[in-house]
Amino acid sequence: MLTRAQLLEPLAAHRTDEVVVTTMSVTRPWGRLSSHDLDFASADSAMGHTADLALGVALARPDRMVVCLNGDGSMLMTLGTLATVIGSGATNYLLIVVENGSYEITGHQPIPGRGSLDFAAMARGAGFPRVFRFDEPVAWARSLPDLLRTPGPTFVQTIVEPTAEGPISRRPTEPSRYLQVSLADWARVFRKALGAGV
C-alpha cells in the first residue's frame, strides 16, 4: 500500500508541463507539492465529475498530457466516464484512481463495495488500452516516465492508505495556492496557462 507521499512526490518530481486535475483527498496534498498554474482543484461542486472535467481539458488541448487524480468514491459515482473516455478518442489522458476505500474528506465513510471492487478490470472492460495497478512505491515511481510520456488513454489504480484530510475550503489560509482564491479566480489563472483556444 502506498502512502499519500509515496503516491504524489514521484509524480511531482517527474511532472513537467502536464495539466494536473485533482479532487477530494489529494487536492490539498498535491497543492503542498506543486504551485503550477496548470494545477486545477475540482473540489467545489457535485462529487464525481473530476474525470469528466479533466477529459474536457484533454480534448480542448490534445497537445498536452492531462493527469487526473480521482478518488475511488468519485470514480464509483461516474463509472460511465470510463466509456466516455474511450469514445472520445483522447490519447493524452492519464486517469489515476486513488483508492483508499473511503469518502475521506467527508468523514471516512466506506465506499460501497470497498475491498471487492476492481477498478482496473472495469477500465479494461471499458476498452482502455493501457491499464495498471500499483500498491508498492518502487514500481509506481519507476513507471511514471512511461505513464506520462506514452500515448493512452491510460488508467491507473493506486492503492493508498487513508489519511486525515478534512473538508476542502477556499481561503487565504489554505496551504495550497490553488485553494487560496475562489474557483472563478483560479479558473482564470488556469485558462490563461492553458493558452489560446480554451
Protein backbone atom coordinates (compact mmCIF):
# COMPACT_ATOMS: atom_id res chain seq x y z
CA MET A 1 0.00 0.00 0.00
CA LEU A 2 1.25 3.48 -0.89
CA THR A 3 1.29 6.43 1.46
CA ARG A 4 -0.02 9.72 0.09
CA ALA A 5 3.57 10.99 -0.09
CA GLN A 6 4.73 7.89 -1.98
CA LEU A 7 1.96 8.46 -4.50
CA LEU A 8 2.34 12.21 -5.04
CA GLU A 9 6.02 13.04 -4.55
CA PRO A 10 7.30 10.95 -7.50
CA LEU A 11 4.57 12.40 -9.70
CA ALA A 12 5.59 15.93 -8.71
CA ALA A 13 9.24 15.06 -9.43
CA HIS A 14 8.50 13.72 -12.94
CA ARG A 15 5.88 16.30 -13.89
CA THR A 16 6.96 18.87 -16.48
CA ASP A 17 4.18 20.76 -18.29
CA GLU A 18 1.32 18.29 -17.80
CA VAL A 19 -2.05 19.54 -16.59
CA VAL A 20 -2.92 18.01 -13.21
CA VAL A 21 -6.56 17.96 -12.11
CA THR A 22 -7.24 16.86 -8.52
CA THR A 23 -10.20 16.17 -6.31
CA MET A 24 -11.11 15.32 -2.74
CA SER A 25 -8.39 13.76 -0.57
CA VAL A 26 -5.47 14.57 -2.91
CA THR A 27 -6.38 18.21 -3.61
CA ARG A 28 -4.65 19.74 -0.60
CA PRO A 29 -1.64 17.34 -0.53
CA TRP A 30 -0.94 17.93 -4.23
CA GLY A 31 -1.12 21.68 -3.67
CA ARG A 32 1.54 21.39 -0.98
CA LEU A 33 3.91 19.87 -3.57
CA SER A 34 3.01 21.94 -6.62
CA SER A 35 2.12 25.56 -7.24
CA HIS A 36 1.91 25.31 -11.03
CA ASP A 37 -0.68 27.36 -12.92
CA LEU A 38 -1.64 24.13 -14.73
CA ASP A 39 -2.96 22.59 -11.49
CA PHE A 40 -6.73 22.60 -11.07
CA ALA A 41 -8.69 21.64 -7.96
CA SER A 42 -12.06 20.19 -8.93
CA ALA A 43 -13.47 20.05 -5.43
CA ASP A 44 -16.19 22.69 -5.37
CA SER A 45 -19.23 21.13 -6.98
CA ALA A 46 -21.05 17.83 -7.42
CA MET A 47 -18.75 14.98 -6.47
CA GLY A 48 -17.73 12.56 -9.19
CA HIS A 49 -17.16 14.84 -12.16
CA THR A 50 -13.42 15.48 -11.93
CA ALA A 51 -12.60 12.81 -14.51
CA ASP A 52 -15.13 14.40 -16.89
CA LEU A 53 -13.64 17.86 -16.42
CA ALA A 54 -10.11 16.54 -16.98
CA LEU A 55 -11.27 14.78 -20.15
CA GLY A 56 -12.72 18.06 -21.42
CA VAL A 57 -9.34 19.73 -20.89
CA ALA A 58 -7.61 16.87 -22.72
CA LEU A 59 -9.95 17.23 -25.68
CA ALA A 60 -9.51 21.02 -25.76
CA ARG A 61 -5.71 20.73 -25.64
CA PRO A 62 -4.70 17.49 -27.40
CA ASP A 63 -1.10 18.73 -27.41
CA ARG A 64 -0.85 18.45 -23.60
CA MET A 65 -0.93 15.41 -21.33
CA VAL A 66 -3.72 15.71 -18.75
CA VAL A 67 -3.35 13.83 -15.47
CA CYS A 68 -6.49 13.31 -13.38
CA LEU A 69 -6.03 12.33 -9.72
CA ASN A 70 -9.51 11.00 -8.99
CA GLY A 71 -10.88 9.48 -5.79
CA ASP A 72 -12.27 5.96 -5.69
CA GLY A 73 -15.61 7.24 -4.37
CA SER A 74 -15.71 9.86 -7.11
CA MET A 75 -14.88 7.27 -9.78
CA LEU A 76 -17.56 4.95 -8.47
CA MET A 77 -20.17 7.69 -8.84
CA THR A 78 -19.47 8.16 -12.55
CA LEU A 79 -18.26 4.85 -13.96
CA GLY A 80 -19.78 5.79 -17.31
CA THR A 81 -16.89 8.21 -17.71
CA LEU A 82 -14.65 5.23 -18.47
CA ALA A 83 -16.65 4.53 -21.63
CA THR A 84 -16.81 8.24 -22.46
CA VAL A 85 -13.02 8.48 -22.37
CA ILE A 86 -12.67 5.62 -24.83
CA GLY A 87 -15.38 7.00 -27.09
CA SER A 88 -13.71 10.41 -27.12
CA GLY A 89 -10.53 9.18 -28.78
CA ALA A 90 -8.34 11.21 -26.39
CA THR A 91 -4.79 9.83 -26.25
CA ASN A 92 -3.37 12.49 -23.92
CA TYR A 93 -5.28 11.39 -20.83
CA LEU A 94 -3.93 9.66 -17.71
CA LEU A 95 -6.65 8.76 -15.20
CA ILE A 96 -5.30 7.77 -11.77
CA VAL A 97 -7.80 6.44 -9.24
CA VAL A 98 -6.59 6.95 -5.68
CA GLU A 99 -8.20 4.03 -3.87
CA ASN A 100 -8.32 4.50 -0.11
CA GLY A 101 -11.67 2.78 0.42
CA SER A 102 -13.42 5.77 1.95
CA TYR A 103 -15.00 9.14 1.41
CA GLU A 104 -12.09 10.61 3.32
CA ILE A 105 -12.81 14.34 3.46
CA THR A 106 -16.45 13.91 4.49
CA GLY A 107 -15.81 11.63 7.47
CA HIS A 108 -14.24 8.36 6.28
CA GLN A 109 -17.49 6.67 5.32
CA PRO A 110 -16.65 3.44 3.46
CA ILE A 111 -17.30 3.47 -0.27
CA PRO A 112 -19.79 0.87 -1.50
CA GLY A 113 -18.08 -2.39 -2.35
CA ARG A 114 -14.90 -1.47 -0.51
CA GLY A 115 -12.39 -4.31 -0.73
CA SER A 116 -14.16 -6.11 -3.56
CA LEU A 117 -14.04 -3.57 -6.38
CA ASP A 118 -11.52 -3.93 -9.19
CA PHE A 119 -11.30 -0.55 -10.90
CA ALA A 120 -8.56 -1.78 -13.24
CA ALA A 121 -10.85 -4.56 -14.50
CA MET A 122 -13.60 -2.01 -15.09
CA ALA A 123 -11.22 0.14 -17.13
CA ARG A 124 -10.16 -2.87 -19.21
CA GLY A 125 -13.80 -3.73 -19.76
CA ALA A 126 -14.46 -0.18 -20.98
CA GLY A 127 -11.67 -0.54 -23.53
CA PHE A 128 -8.69 1.30 -22.02
CA PRO A 129 -5.65 0.11 -23.96
CA ARG A 130 -3.24 0.76 -21.06
CA VAL A 131 -4.29 -0.31 -17.56
CA PHE A 132 -2.08 -0.58 -14.47
CA ARG A 133 -2.46 -1.26 -10.76
CA PHE A 134 0.09 -0.20 -8.13
CA ASP A 135 0.23 -0.90 -4.42
CA GLU A 136 4.00 -0.66 -3.99
CA PRO A 137 6.04 2.58 -4.13
CA VAL A 138 9.13 1.47 -6.07
CA ALA A 139 7.17 0.08 -9.02
CA TRP A 140 4.94 3.15 -9.06
CA ALA A 141 7.86 5.58 -9.11
CA ARG A 142 9.69 3.62 -11.82
CA SER A 143 6.60 3.55 -14.04
CA LEU A 144 5.96 7.29 -14.06
CA PRO A 145 8.16 8.34 -17.00
CA ASP A 146 6.35 5.82 -19.22
CA LEU A 147 2.92 6.73 -17.85
CA LEU A 148 3.47 10.43 -18.53
CA ARG A 149 5.03 10.09 -21.99
CA THR A 150 3.27 7.18 -23.73
CA PRO A 151 0.00 7.92 -25.55
CA GLY A 152 -3.09 6.45 -23.97
CA PRO A 153 -5.67 6.82 -22.72
CA THR A 154 -4.14 5.25 -19.66
CA PHE A 155 -5.87 4.09 -16.48
CA VAL A 156 -4.02 3.57 -13.20
CA GLN A 157 -5.46 2.14 -9.99
CA THR A 158 -3.35 3.02 -6.94
CA ILE A 159 -3.93 1.51 -3.52
CA VAL A 160 -3.32 4.26 -0.96
CA GLU A 161 -3.53 4.50 2.82
CA PRO A 162 -6.31 6.76 4.10
CA THR A 163 -5.18 9.90 5.88
CA ALA A 164 -6.98 12.62 7.80
CA GLU A 165 -7.56 15.32 5.20
CA GLY A 166 -10.55 17.40 6.21
CA PRO A 167 -13.08 19.21 4.04
CA ILE A 168 -11.70 21.43 1.28
CA SER A 169 -12.13 25.19 1.58
CA ARG A 170 -11.07 28.19 -0.45
CA ARG A 171 -9.44 30.85 1.69
CA PRO A 172 -6.07 32.58 2.06
CA THR A 173 -5.10 30.33 4.99
CA GLU A 174 -5.09 27.21 2.81
CA PRO A 175 -1.53 25.93 2.17
CA SER A 176 -2.33 25.10 -1.45
CA ARG A 177 -2.05 28.05 -3.83
CA TYR A 178 -4.98 26.93 -5.98
CA LEU A 179 -7.22 26.85 -2.90
CA GLN A 180 -6.28 30.31 -1.63
CA VAL A 181 -8.61 32.05 -4.10
CA SER A 182 -12.12 31.47 -5.40
CA LEU A 183 -12.80 28.84 -8.04
CA ALA A 184 -13.61 31.61 -10.54
CA ASP A 185 -10.33 33.41 -9.85
CA TRP A 186 -8.26 30.23 -10.19
CA ALA A 187 -10.15 29.22 -13.34
CA ARG A 188 -8.89 32.44 -14.96
CA VAL A 189 -5.30 31.61 -13.96
CA PHE A 190 -5.70 28.07 -15.25
CA ARG A 191 -7.28 29.12 -18.54
CA LYS A 192 -4.50 31.63 -19.21
CA ALA A 193 -1.88 28.93 -18.53
CA LEU A 194 -3.63 26.55 -20.94
CA GLY A 195 -3.35 29.15 -23.69
CA ALA A 196 -5.34 30.00 -26.76
CA GLY A 197 -8.49 28.17 -27.71
CA VAL A 198 -9.61 27.17 -24.22
